[in-house]
C-alpha atoms as a PDB file:
ATOM      1  CA  UNK A   1     -72.679 -56.257-190.381  1.00  0.00           C
ATOM      2  CA  UNK A   2     -73.056 -57.408-186.554  1.00  0.00           C
ATOM      3  CA  UNK A   3     -70.336 -59.195-184.644  1.00  0.00           C
ATOM      4  CA  UNK A   4     -71.461 -62.787-183.651  1.00  0.00           C
ATOM      5  CA  UNK A   5     -73.277 -62.602-180.234  1.00  0.00           C
ATOM      6  CA  UNK A   6     -72.878 -58.935-179.833  1.00  0.00           C
ATOM      7  CA  UNK A   7     -76.135 -56.846-178.810  1.00  0.00           C
ATOM      8  CA  UNK A   8     -76.439 -55.647-182.469  1.00  0.00           C
ATOM      9  CA  UNK A   9     -76.378 -59.210-183.705  1.00  0.00           C
ATOM     10  CA  UNK A  10     -79.056 -59.917-181.214  1.00  0.00           C
ATOM     11  CA  UNK A  11     -81.036 -57.286-182.304  1.00  0.00           C
ATOM     12  CA  UNK A  12     -80.516 -58.379-186.010  1.00  0.00           C
ATOM     13  CA  UNK A  13     -81.858 -61.975-185.033  1.00  0.00           C
ATOM     14  CA  UNK A  14     -84.919 -60.150-183.756  1.00  0.00           C
ATOM     15  CA  UNK A  15     -85.512 -58.249-186.610  1.00  0.00           C
ATOM     16  CA  UNK A  16     -85.365 -61.252-188.962  1.00  0.00           C
ATOM     17  CA  UNK A  17     -87.515 -63.181-186.491  1.00  0.00           C
ATOM     18  CA  UNK A  18     -90.291 -60.513-186.497  1.00  0.00           C
ATOM     19  CA  UNK A  19     -90.245 -59.913-190.257  1.00  0.00           C
ATOM     20  CA  UNK A  20     -90.709 -63.718-190.854  1.00  0.00           C
ATOM     21  CA  UNK A  21     -94.120 -64.524-192.037  1.00  0.00           C
ATOM     22  CA  UNK A  22     -93.004 -68.161-192.145  1.00  0.00           C
ATOM     23  CA  UNK A  23     -92.257 -68.020-188.239  1.00  0.00           C
ATOM     24  CA  UNK A  24     -95.862 -66.759-187.795  1.00  0.00           C
ATOM     25  CA  UNK A  25     -97.313 -69.444-189.880  1.00  0.00           C
ATOM     26  CA  UNK A  26     -95.515 -72.303-187.844  1.00  0.00           C
ATOM     27  CA  UNK A  27     -97.664 -74.715-186.120  1.00  0.00           C
ATOM     28  CA  UNK A  28     -97.245 -74.550-182.528  1.00  0.00           C
ATOM     29  CA  UNK A  29     -99.226 -75.392-179.346  1.00  0.00           C
ATOM     30  CA  UNK A  30     -98.830 -72.502-177.027  1.00  0.00           C
ATOM     31  CA  UNK A  31     -95.760 -70.360-176.572  1.00  0.00           C
ATOM     32  CA  UNK A  32     -92.138 -72.008-176.803  1.00  0.00           C
ATOM     33  CA  UNK A  33     -89.213 -70.172-175.022  1.00  0.00           C
ATOM     34  CA  UNK A  34     -85.529 -71.357-175.451  1.00  0.00           C
ATOM     35  CA  UNK A  35     -82.853 -69.675-173.954  1.00  0.00           C
ATOM     36  CA  UNK A  36     -79.210 -69.905-175.153  1.00  0.00           C
ATOM     37  CA  UNK A  37     -76.237 -69.278-172.956  1.00  0.00           C
ATOM     38  CA  UNK A  38     -72.946 -68.977-174.240  1.00  0.00           C
ATOM     39  CA  UNK A  39     -69.760 -68.686-171.996  1.00  0.00           C
ATOM     40  CA  UNK A  40     -66.120 -67.778-172.666  1.00  0.00           C
ATOM     41  CA  UNK A  41     -67.181 -65.115-175.155  1.00  0.00           C
ATOM     42  CA  UNK A  42     -64.273 -62.859-176.015  1.00  0.00           C
ATOM     43  CA  UNK A  43     -64.615 -59.298-174.331  1.00  0.00           C
ATOM     44  CA  UNK A  44     -68.137 -60.244-173.014  1.00  0.00           C
ATOM     45  CA  UNK A  45     -67.680 -63.537-170.800  1.00  0.00           C
ATOM     46  CA  UNK A  46     -71.306 -64.674-170.829  1.00  0.00           C
ATOM     47  CA  UNK A  47     -73.928 -63.841-173.437  1.00  0.00           C
ATOM     48  CA  UNK A  48     -77.623 -64.961-172.774  1.00  0.00           C
ATOM     49  CA  UNK A  49     -80.474 -64.454-175.148  1.00  0.00           C
ATOM     50  CA  UNK A  50     -83.819 -66.077-175.807  1.00  0.00           C
ATOM     51  CA  UNK A  51     -86.156 -66.823-178.393  1.00  0.00           C
ATOM     52  CA  UNK A  52     -89.939 -66.760-178.014  1.00  0.00           C
ATOM     53  CA  UNK A  53     -92.227 -68.506-180.428  1.00  0.00           C
ATOM     54  CA  UNK A  54     -95.940 -68.506-180.428  1.00  0.00           C
ATOM     55  CA  UNK A  55     -98.934 -67.771-182.311  1.00  0.00           C
ATOM     56  CA  UNK A  56     -98.009 -64.056-182.641  1.00  0.00           C
ATOM     57  CA  UNK A  57     -94.781 -65.207-184.464  1.00  0.00           C
ATOM     58  CA  UNK A  58     -91.060 -65.178-183.263  1.00  0.00           C
ATOM     59  CA  UNK A  59     -89.065 -62.873-181.437  1.00  0.00           C
ATOM     60  CA  UNK A  60     -85.425 -62.968-180.017  1.00  0.00           C
ATOM     61  CA  UNK A  61     -84.458 -61.000-177.033  1.00  0.00           C
ATOM     62  CA  UNK A  62     -81.309 -60.102-175.095  1.00  0.00           C
ATOM     63  CA  UNK A  63     -81.059 -61.417-171.468  1.00  0.00           C
ATOM     64  CA  UNK A  64     -82.491 -64.532-169.749  1.00  0.00           C
ATOM     65  CA  UNK A  65     -86.115 -65.594-170.023  1.00  0.00           C
ATOM     66  CA  UNK A  66     -88.313 -65.658-166.947  1.00  0.00           C
ATOM     67  CA  UNK A  67     -89.352 -69.101-167.335  1.00  0.00           C
ATOM     68  CA  UNK A  68     -87.757 -70.857-170.479  1.00  0.00           C
ATOM     69  CA  UNK A  69     -89.109 -74.223-171.575  1.00  0.00           C
ATOM     70  CA  UNK A  70     -85.448 -75.196-172.169  1.00  0.00           C
ATOM     71  CA  UNK A  71     -81.807 -73.721-171.617  1.00  0.00           C
ATOM     72  CA  UNK A  72     -78.944 -74.510-174.022  1.00  0.00           C
ATOM     73  CA  UNK A  73     -75.494 -73.952-172.646  1.00  0.00           C
ATOM     74  CA  UNK A  74     -72.267 -74.031-174.625  1.00  0.00           C
ATOM     75  CA  UNK A  75     -68.938 -72.331-174.894  1.00  0.00           C
ATOM     76  CA  UNK A  76     -67.938 -69.710-177.580  1.00  0.00           C
ATOM     77  CA  UNK A  77     -65.947 -72.149-179.768  1.00  0.00           C
ATOM     78  CA  UNK A  78     -68.855 -74.635-179.975  1.00  0.00           C
ATOM     79  CA  UNK A  79     -71.329 -71.873-180.555  1.00  0.00           C
ATOM     80  CA  UNK A  80     -69.237 -70.305-183.361  1.00  0.00           C
ATOM     81  CA  UNK A  81     -68.454 -73.705-184.840  1.00  0.00           C
ATOM     82  CA  UNK A  82     -72.399 -74.392-184.977  1.00  0.00           C
ATOM     83  CA  UNK A  83     -72.997 -71.140-186.474  1.00  0.00           C
ATOM     84  CA  UNK A  84     -70.528 -71.236-189.207  1.00  0.00           C
ATOM     85  CA  UNK A  85     -71.598 -74.790-190.104  1.00  0.00           C
ATOM     86  CA  UNK A  86     -68.348 -76.428-189.005  1.00  0.00           C
ATOM     87  CA  UNK A  87     -70.302 -78.593-186.205  1.00  0.00           C
ATOM     88  CA  UNK A  88     -73.786 -79.443-185.571  1.00  0.00           C
ATOM     89  CA  UNK A  89     -75.852 -79.422-182.389  1.00  0.00           C
ATOM     90  CA  UNK A  90     -76.845 -83.021-182.454  1.00  0.00           C
ATOM     91  CA  UNK A  91     -73.100 -84.234-182.516  1.00  0.00           C
ATOM     92  CA  UNK A  92     -72.329 -81.298-179.911  1.00  0.00           C
ATOM     93  CA  UNK A  93     -74.902 -82.534-177.803  1.00  0.00           C
ATOM     94  CA  UNK A  94     -73.902 -86.209-177.849  1.00  0.00           C
ATOM     95  CA  UNK A  95     -70.274 -85.175-177.116  1.00  0.00           C
ATOM     96  CA  UNK A  96     -71.123 -82.936-174.232  1.00  0.00           C
ATOM     97  CA  UNK A  97     -70.086 -79.886-175.660  1.00  0.00           C
ATOM     98  CA  UNK A  98     -73.789 -78.494-175.734  1.00  0.00           C
ATOM     99  CA  UNK A  99     -75.917 -78.956-172.683  1.00  0.00           C
ATOM    100  CA  UNK A 100     -79.901 -78.870-172.712  1.00  0.00           C
ATOM    101  CA  UNK A 101     -81.940 -78.670-169.485  1.00  0.00           C
ATOM    102  CA  UNK A 102     -85.640 -78.065-169.187  1.00  0.00           C
ATOM    103  CA  UNK A 103     -88.536 -79.824-171.088  1.00  0.00           C
ATOM    104  CA  UNK A 104     -86.911 -82.246-173.250  1.00  0.00           C
ATOM    105  CA  UNK A 105     -90.266 -83.730-174.156  1.00  0.00           C
ATOM    106  CA  UNK A 106     -91.566 -80.395-175.542  1.00  0.00           C
ATOM    107  CA  UNK A 107     -88.407 -79.842-177.556  1.00  0.00           C
ATOM    108  CA  UNK A 108     -89.007 -83.348-179.263  1.00  0.00           C
ATOM    109  CA  UNK A 109     -92.685 -82.643-179.812  1.00  0.00           C
ATOM    110  CA  UNK A 110     -91.579 -79.312-181.534  1.00  0.00           C
ATOM    111  CA  UNK A 111     -88.529 -80.673-183.200  1.00  0.00           C
ATOM    112  CA  UNK A 112     -90.163 -80.324-186.810  1.00  0.00           C
ATOM    113  CA  UNK A 113     -91.135 -76.763-186.123  1.00  0.00           C
ATOM    114  CA  UNK A 114     -87.898 -75.867-184.913  1.00  0.00           C
ATOM    115  CA  UNK A 115     -85.904 -77.143-187.777  1.00  0.00           C
ATOM    116  CA  UNK A 116     -87.907 -74.941-189.938  1.00  0.00           C
ATOM    117  CA  UNK A 117     -86.596 -71.749-188.029  1.00  0.00           C
ATOM    118  CA  UNK A 118     -83.160 -72.239-189.278  1.00  0.00           C
ATOM    119  CA  UNK A 119     -84.127 -70.338-192.545  1.00  0.00           C
ATOM    120  CA  UNK A 120     -85.381 -67.519-190.714  1.00  0.00           C
ATOM    121  CA  UNK A 121     -81.982 -66.549-189.536  1.00  0.00           C
ATOM    122  CA  UNK A 122     -80.069 -67.190-192.907  1.00  0.00           C
ATOM    123  CA  UNK A 123     -79.657 -63.597-193.607  1.00  0.00           C
ATOM    124  CA  UNK A 124     -78.109 -62.793-190.187  1.00  0.00           C
ATOM    125  CA  UNK A 125     -75.770 -65.725-190.679  1.00  0.00           C
ATOM    126  CA  UNK A 126     -74.647 -64.390-194.171  1.00  0.00           C
ATOM    127  CA  UNK A 127     -73.862 -61.057-192.813  1.00  0.00           C
ATOM    128  CA  UNK A 128     -72.525 -61.791-189.178  1.00  0.00           C
ATOM    129  CA  UNK A 129     -68.877 -60.928-188.643  1.00  0.00           C
ATOM    130  CA  UNK A 130     -66.216 -62.026-186.106  1.00  0.00           C
ATOM    131  CA  UNK A 131     -63.533 -59.610-184.436  1.00  0.00           C
ATOM    132  CA  UNK A 132     -60.125 -60.303-185.787  1.00  0.00           C
ATOM    133  CA  UNK A 133     -58.711 -61.312-182.518  1.00  0.00           C
ATOM    134  CA  UNK A 134     -61.099 -64.244-181.768  1.00  0.00           C
ATOM    135  CA  UNK A 135     -59.497 -66.710-184.041  1.00  0.00           C
ATOM    136  CA  UNK A 136     -60.759 -70.369-182.889  1.00  0.00           C
ATOM    137  CA  UNK A 137     -60.111 -73.932-183.758  1.00  0.00           C
ATOM    138  CA  UNK A 138     -62.867 -74.545-186.450  1.00  0.00           C
ATOM    139  CA  UNK A 139     -63.529 -78.052-185.181  1.00  0.00           C
ATOM    140  CA  UNK A 140     -65.567 -76.633-182.253  1.00  0.00           C
ATOM    141  CA  UNK A 141     -63.900 -78.431-179.579  1.00  0.00           C
ATOM    142  CA  UNK A 142     -62.034 -75.374-178.148  1.00  0.00           C
ATOM    143  CA  UNK A 143     -58.400 -76.722-178.972  1.00  0.00           C
END
């Protein structure tokens, strides 16, 4: 069971993504690359990974993307709260706890496609663990 945001966790996301026939069947114009940056990660500082979705399917890769369409940035507490279902990205965005930069029009155009990706990672969410020493406020506001 991989720890949240660890290299093993990112590798599990990638395995789930590449195994998903549903991800390969998603309608998409071209390739969409979304980078995620999470700061204040216990024992790691910053974790960066990206998703690449295109006609060949979905892949998740450790590290920054060369030319992402969008970059999502948040802190560890908010990322964990979203992951565990205690918060959602829309509210975090409205509250300023999640920042997005890049081609927002492209994200809006592909919003239906992106919503369908959630199920691709359900198995990883179900087995994700959290180190015992990273207890956080479950509201996702970091306090």
